[in-house]
Amino acid sequence: MEITAARDVCVGAGMCVITAPEIFDQDDEGIVVPLVEVVGPDDVEAARHAVALCPSSALRLLGD
């Protein structure tokens, strides 16, 4: 599955980093930075949870 992040929509809440630090980080301004383009099978549940918790709906999981 592919993960996308709309950095212009991100509000910097950091829920994605807390939920899935192996998939997401934040830049110096707190905006989401995906660490991977494709989510591996071991990280799918964490990615789904991060997408669900994102308060600005900036994250999308494609192919789910």
N, C-alpha and C. Protein backbone atom coordinates (compact mmCIF):
# COMPACT_ATOMS: atom_id res chain seq x y z
N MET A 1 0.82 -1.17 0.00
CA MET A 1 0.00 0.00 0.00
C MET A 1 0.87 1.25 0.00
N GLU A 2 0.36 2.26 -0.67
CA GLU A 2 1.09 3.52 -0.76
C GLU A 2 0.50 4.54 0.21
N ILE A 3 1.36 5.30 0.85
CA ILE A 3 0.92 6.35 1.78
C ILE A 3 1.18 7.70 1.13
N THR A 4 0.21 8.60 1.24
CA THR A 4 0.41 9.96 0.76
C THR A 4 0.07 10.92 1.90
N ALA A 5 0.75 12.05 1.89
CA ALA A 5 0.53 13.07 2.92
C ALA A 5 0.40 14.42 2.24
N ALA A 6 -0.71 15.09 2.48
CA ALA A 6 -0.94 16.43 1.95
C ALA A 6 -0.33 17.42 2.93
N ARG A 7 0.92 17.78 2.68
CA ARG A 7 1.64 18.64 3.62
C ARG A 7 0.99 20.02 3.76
N ASP A 8 0.28 20.46 2.74
CA ASP A 8 -0.39 21.75 2.81
C ASP A 8 -1.66 21.70 3.65
N VAL A 9 -2.12 20.50 3.97
CA VAL A 9 -3.32 20.30 4.79
C VAL A 9 -2.94 19.99 6.24
N CYS A 10 -1.76 19.46 6.45
CA CYS A 10 -1.29 19.05 7.78
C CYS A 10 -1.31 20.23 8.75
N VAL A 11 -1.80 19.97 9.98
CA VAL A 11 -1.84 21.00 11.02
C VAL A 11 -0.76 20.78 12.08
N GLY A 12 0.05 19.76 11.89
CA GLY A 12 1.18 19.53 12.80
C GLY A 12 0.81 18.94 14.15
N ALA A 13 -0.29 18.22 14.22
CA ALA A 13 -0.72 17.63 15.50
C ALA A 13 0.24 16.53 15.96
N GLY A 14 0.89 15.86 15.03
CA GLY A 14 1.86 14.83 15.39
C GLY A 14 1.30 13.47 15.72
N MET A 15 0.01 13.27 15.54
CA MET A 15 -0.59 11.97 15.85
C MET A 15 0.01 10.86 14.99
N CYS A 16 0.35 11.18 13.76
CA CYS A 16 0.93 10.18 12.88
C CYS A 16 2.28 9.70 13.40
N VAL A 17 3.09 10.62 13.88
CA VAL A 17 4.42 10.29 14.39
C VAL A 17 4.31 9.47 15.68
N ILE A 18 3.38 9.84 16.51
CA ILE A 18 3.17 9.10 17.76
C ILE A 18 2.67 7.69 17.46
N THR A 19 1.78 7.57 16.49
CA THR A 19 1.14 6.30 16.16
C THR A 19 2.04 5.39 15.31
N ALA A 20 2.76 5.98 14.37
CA ALA A 20 3.56 5.17 13.44
C ALA A 20 4.90 5.86 13.14
N PRO A 21 5.80 5.90 14.13
CA PRO A 21 7.08 6.59 13.93
C PRO A 21 7.97 5.94 12.88
N GLU A 22 7.70 4.71 12.51
CA GLU A 22 8.47 4.05 11.46
C GLU A 22 8.01 4.49 10.07
N ILE A 23 6.87 5.19 10.00
CA ILE A 23 6.31 5.62 8.72
C ILE A 23 6.34 7.14 8.56
N PHE A 24 6.22 7.87 9.68
CA PHE A 24 6.10 9.33 9.62
C PHE A 24 7.10 10.04 10.53
N ASP A 25 7.45 11.24 10.12
CA ASP A 25 8.24 12.16 10.93
C ASP A 25 7.63 13.54 10.72
N GLN A 26 8.19 14.54 11.39
CA GLN A 26 7.77 15.91 11.21
C GLN A 26 9.00 16.76 10.93
N ASP A 27 8.81 17.78 10.08
CA ASP A 27 9.93 18.69 9.80
C ASP A 27 10.04 19.72 10.94
N ASP A 28 10.92 20.67 10.80
CA ASP A 28 11.16 21.66 11.85
C ASP A 28 9.93 22.52 12.16
N GLU A 29 8.99 22.56 11.23
CA GLU A 29 7.76 23.34 11.42
C GLU A 29 6.61 22.47 11.91
N GLY A 30 6.88 21.17 12.13
CA GLY A 30 5.86 20.25 12.62
C GLY A 30 5.01 19.62 11.56
N ILE A 31 5.33 19.85 10.30
CA ILE A 31 4.55 19.31 9.19
C ILE A 31 5.01 17.88 8.89
N VAL A 32 4.03 17.04 8.57
CA VAL A 32 4.28 15.62 8.34
C VAL A 32 5.29 15.40 7.21
N VAL A 33 6.15 14.41 7.42
CA VAL A 33 7.11 13.96 6.42
C VAL A 33 7.03 12.43 6.38
N PRO A 34 6.48 11.87 5.30
CA PRO A 34 6.46 10.41 5.18
C PRO A 34 7.88 9.88 5.05
N LEU A 35 8.19 8.84 5.78
CA LEU A 35 9.53 8.22 5.71
C LEU A 35 9.59 7.13 4.66
N VAL A 36 8.43 6.66 4.22
CA VAL A 36 8.34 5.62 3.20
C VAL A 36 7.26 6.01 2.19
N GLU A 37 7.35 5.47 0.99
CA GLU A 37 6.30 5.67 -0.01
C GLU A 37 5.34 4.48 0.01
N VAL A 38 5.91 3.32 0.26
CA VAL A 38 5.11 2.10 0.28
C VAL A 38 5.18 1.51 1.68
N VAL A 39 4.01 1.23 2.23
CA VAL A 39 3.92 0.67 3.58
C VAL A 39 4.07 -0.84 3.50
N GLY A 40 5.01 -1.37 4.25
CA GLY A 40 5.23 -2.81 4.27
C GLY A 40 4.14 -3.53 5.05
N PRO A 41 4.02 -4.83 4.85
CA PRO A 41 2.96 -5.60 5.48
C PRO A 41 2.96 -5.52 7.01
N ASP A 42 4.12 -5.38 7.61
CA ASP A 42 4.21 -5.31 9.07
C ASP A 42 3.72 -3.97 9.62
N ASP A 43 3.62 -2.95 8.77
CA ASP A 43 3.26 -1.61 9.21
C ASP A 43 1.87 -1.17 8.77
N VAL A 44 1.13 -2.03 8.11
CA VAL A 44 -0.18 -1.65 7.57
C VAL A 44 -1.15 -1.22 8.66
N GLU A 45 -1.24 -1.95 9.73
CA GLU A 45 -2.18 -1.60 10.80
C GLU A 45 -1.82 -0.25 11.44
N ALA A 46 -0.55 -0.01 11.66
CA ALA A 46 -0.11 1.27 12.22
C ALA A 46 -0.44 2.41 11.25
N ALA A 47 -0.25 2.18 9.96
CA ALA A 47 -0.57 3.20 8.96
C ALA A 47 -2.06 3.50 8.94
N ARG A 48 -2.87 2.47 8.98
CA ARG A 48 -4.33 2.65 9.02
C ARG A 48 -4.74 3.46 10.25
N HIS A 49 -4.15 3.14 11.37
CA HIS A 49 -4.48 3.83 12.62
C HIS A 49 -4.06 5.30 12.54
N ALA A 50 -2.89 5.58 12.00
CA ALA A 50 -2.41 6.95 11.85
C ALA A 50 -3.33 7.75 10.93
N VAL A 51 -3.75 7.14 9.83
CA VAL A 51 -4.67 7.81 8.90
C VAL A 51 -5.98 8.14 9.61
N ALA A 52 -6.48 7.20 10.37
CA ALA A 52 -7.75 7.40 11.09
C ALA A 52 -7.65 8.50 12.14
N LEU A 53 -6.49 8.65 12.78
CA LEU A 53 -6.32 9.63 13.85
C LEU A 53 -5.94 11.02 13.37
N CYS A 54 -5.58 11.17 12.12
CA CYS A 54 -5.13 12.47 11.62
C CYS A 54 -6.28 13.48 11.69
N PRO A 55 -6.12 14.54 12.49
CA PRO A 55 -7.22 15.50 12.70
C PRO A 55 -7.53 16.36 11.48
N SER A 56 -6.58 16.48 10.54
CA SER A 56 -6.81 17.31 9.36
C SER A 56 -7.09 16.49 8.11
N SER A 57 -7.10 15.17 8.23
CA SER A 57 -7.31 14.26 7.09
C SER A 57 -6.25 14.49 6.01
N ALA A 58 -5.04 14.75 6.43
CA ALA A 58 -3.94 14.98 5.49
C ALA A 58 -3.33 13.69 4.95
N LEU A 59 -3.66 12.57 5.57
CA LEU A 59 -3.05 11.29 5.19
C LEU A 59 -4.02 10.42 4.42
N ARG A 60 -3.48 9.70 3.44
CA ARG A 60 -4.27 8.76 2.65
C ARG A 60 -3.45 7.47 2.49
N LEU A 61 -4.14 6.36 2.58
CA LEU A 61 -3.54 5.07 2.33
C LEU A 61 -4.18 4.51 1.07
N LEU A 62 -3.41 4.43 0.01
CA LEU A 62 -3.92 3.98 -1.28
C LEU A 62 -3.72 2.49 -1.44
N GLY A 63 -4.71 1.83 -1.99
CA GLY A 63 -4.63 0.40 -2.19
C GLY A 63 -5.16 -0.40 -1.02
N ASP A 64 -5.84 0.27 -0.12
CA ASP A 64 -6.38 -0.38 1.07
C ASP A 64 -7.78 -0.88 0.79
